[in-house]
Amino acid sequence: MCLAIPARIIEFLDDDTARVELGGVKKDISLALVDDVAIGDYVIVHVGYALSRLDTDEAERTLKLFAQMGSGE
């Protein structure tokens, strides 16, 4: 089973990479597979690669569902 999660871009780094944040965790990822992303955009991340840009409302709904699942709601 594979899981891709939404994460928010917080910083651009060198060589098509960026730093993303999800729930206080920061991770460096590759942007080689996506175009036209900006600081503050959400991307779907799987195995260290951004797969696509995600609408902010959709990302926030998804993250809220993940939080509810984690809390047992």
C-alpha atoms as a PDB file:
ATOM      1  CA  MET A   1       0.000   0.000   0.000  1.00  0.00           C
ATOM      2  CA  CYS A   2       1.251   3.480  -0.865  1.00  0.00           C
ATOM      3  CA  LEU A   3       0.393   6.725   0.829  1.00  0.00           C
ATOM      4  CA  ALA A   4       0.863  10.182  -0.629  1.00  0.00           C
ATOM      5  CA  ILE A   5       0.240  13.097   1.706  1.00  0.00           C
ATOM      6  CA  PRO A   6      -0.324  16.827   1.235  1.00  0.00           C
ATOM      7  CA  ALA A   7       2.490  19.057   2.490  1.00  0.00           C
ATOM      8  CA  ARG A   8       2.986  22.819   2.267  1.00  0.00           C
ATOM      9  CA  ILE A   9       6.058  24.250   0.528  1.00  0.00           C
ATOM     10  CA  ILE A  10       7.918  26.554   2.916  1.00  0.00           C
ATOM     11  CA  GLU A  11      11.239  27.100   1.139  1.00  0.00           C
ATOM     12  CA  PHE A  12      12.900  26.524  -2.221  1.00  0.00           C
ATOM     13  CA  LEU A  13      16.331  24.883  -2.160  1.00  0.00           C
ATOM     14  CA  ASP A  14      18.896  24.132  -4.878  1.00  0.00           C
ATOM     15  CA  ASP A  15      18.486  21.752  -7.829  1.00  0.00           C
ATOM     16  CA  ASP A  16      14.692  21.388  -8.111  1.00  0.00           C
ATOM     17  CA  THR A  17      14.201  20.726  -4.395  1.00  0.00           C
ATOM     18  CA  ALA A  18      12.097  22.345  -1.718  1.00  0.00           C
ATOM     19  CA  ARG A  19      11.465  22.095   1.988  1.00  0.00           C
ATOM     20  CA  VAL A  20       7.915  21.202   2.990  1.00  0.00           C
ATOM     21  CA  GLU A  21       6.164  21.193   6.345  1.00  0.00           C
ATOM     22  CA  LEU A  22       3.496  18.859   7.640  1.00  0.00           C
ATOM     23  CA  GLY A  23       2.369  18.997  11.229  1.00  0.00           C
ATOM     24  CA  GLY A  24       5.601  20.595  12.404  1.00  0.00           C
ATOM     25  CA  VAL A  25       7.802  18.108  10.539  1.00  0.00           C
ATOM     26  CA  LYS A  26      10.032  19.577   7.830  1.00  0.00           C
ATOM     27  CA  LYS A  27      11.379  17.492   4.965  1.00  0.00           C
ATOM     28  CA  ASP A  28      13.348  18.188   1.805  1.00  0.00           C
ATOM     29  CA  ILE A  29      11.668  16.871  -1.344  1.00  0.00           C
ATOM     30  CA  SER A  30      12.216  16.846  -5.094  1.00  0.00           C
ATOM     31  CA  LEU A  31      10.133  19.103  -7.336  1.00  0.00           C
ATOM     32  CA  ALA A  32      11.369  17.409 -10.527  1.00  0.00           C
ATOM     33  CA  LEU A  33       7.881  16.099 -11.363  1.00  0.00           C
ATOM     34  CA  VAL A  34       5.880  19.326 -10.884  1.00  0.00           C
ATOM     35  CA  ASP A  35       5.846  22.768 -12.491  1.00  0.00           C
ATOM     36  CA  ASP A  36       4.672  26.183 -11.374  1.00  0.00           C
ATOM     37  CA  VAL A  37       4.612  25.802  -7.607  1.00  0.00           C
ATOM     38  CA  ALA A  38       5.119  28.625  -5.128  1.00  0.00           C
ATOM     39  CA  ILE A  39       5.896  29.058  -1.459  1.00  0.00           C
ATOM     40  CA  GLY A  40       2.685  28.282   0.441  1.00  0.00           C
ATOM     41  CA  ASP A  41       1.355  25.838  -2.168  1.00  0.00           C
ATOM     42  CA  TYR A  42       0.392  22.342  -1.128  1.00  0.00           C
ATOM     43  CA  VAL A  43       1.804  19.388  -3.040  1.00  0.00           C
ATOM     44  CA  ILE A  44       1.091  15.673  -2.827  1.00  0.00           C
ATOM     45  CA  VAL A  45       4.296  14.004  -1.589  1.00  0.00           C
ATOM     46  CA  HIS A  46       5.212  10.343  -2.033  1.00  0.00           C
ATOM     47  CA  VAL A  47       8.651   8.862  -1.321  1.00  0.00           C
ATOM     48  CA  GLY A  48      10.313  12.271  -1.305  1.00  0.00           C
ATOM     49  CA  TYR A  49       8.819  13.521  -4.579  1.00  0.00           C
ATOM     50  CA  ALA A  50       6.093  16.080  -5.134  1.00  0.00           C
ATOM     51  CA  LEU A  51       3.667  14.396  -7.528  1.00  0.00           C
ATOM     52  CA  SER A  52       1.232  17.256  -8.114  1.00  0.00           C
ATOM     53  CA  ARG A  53       0.024  20.575  -6.759  1.00  0.00           C
ATOM     54  CA  LEU A  54      -3.108  20.409  -4.627  1.00  0.00           C
ATOM     55  CA  ASP A  55      -5.838  22.981  -4.071  1.00  0.00           C
ATOM     56  CA  THR A  56      -5.489  24.551  -0.596  1.00  0.00           C
ATOM     57  CA  ASP A  57      -9.063  23.723   0.441  1.00  0.00           C
ATOM     58  CA  GLU A  58      -8.664  20.087  -0.597  1.00  0.00           C
ATOM     59  CA  ALA A  59      -5.321  19.818   1.210  1.00  0.00           C
ATOM     60  CA  GLU A  60      -6.776  21.248   4.409  1.00  0.00           C
ATOM     61  CA  ARG A  61      -9.798  18.896   4.260  1.00  0.00           C
ATOM     62  CA  THR A  62      -7.488  15.919   3.744  1.00  0.00           C
ATOM     63  CA  LEU A  63      -5.198  16.933   6.616  1.00  0.00           C
ATOM     64  CA  LYS A  64      -8.229  17.403   8.877  1.00  0.00           C
ATOM     65  CA  LEU A  65      -9.386  13.856   8.045  1.00  0.00           C
ATOM     66  CA  PHE A  66      -5.921  12.481   8.808  1.00  0.00           C
ATOM     67  CA  ALA A  67      -5.963  14.297  12.168  1.00  0.00           C
ATOM     68  CA  GLN A  68      -9.395  12.884  12.998  1.00  0.00           C
ATOM     69  CA  MET A  69      -8.267   9.351  12.150  1.00  0.00           C
ATOM     70  CA  GLY A  70      -5.214   9.782  14.353  1.00  0.00           C
ATOM     71  CA  SER A  71      -7.253  10.984  17.297  1.00  0.00           C
ATOM     72  CA  GLY A  72      -9.760   8.126  17.100  1.00  0.00           C
ATOM     73  CA  GLU A  73     -12.728  10.331  16.175  1.00  0.00           C
END
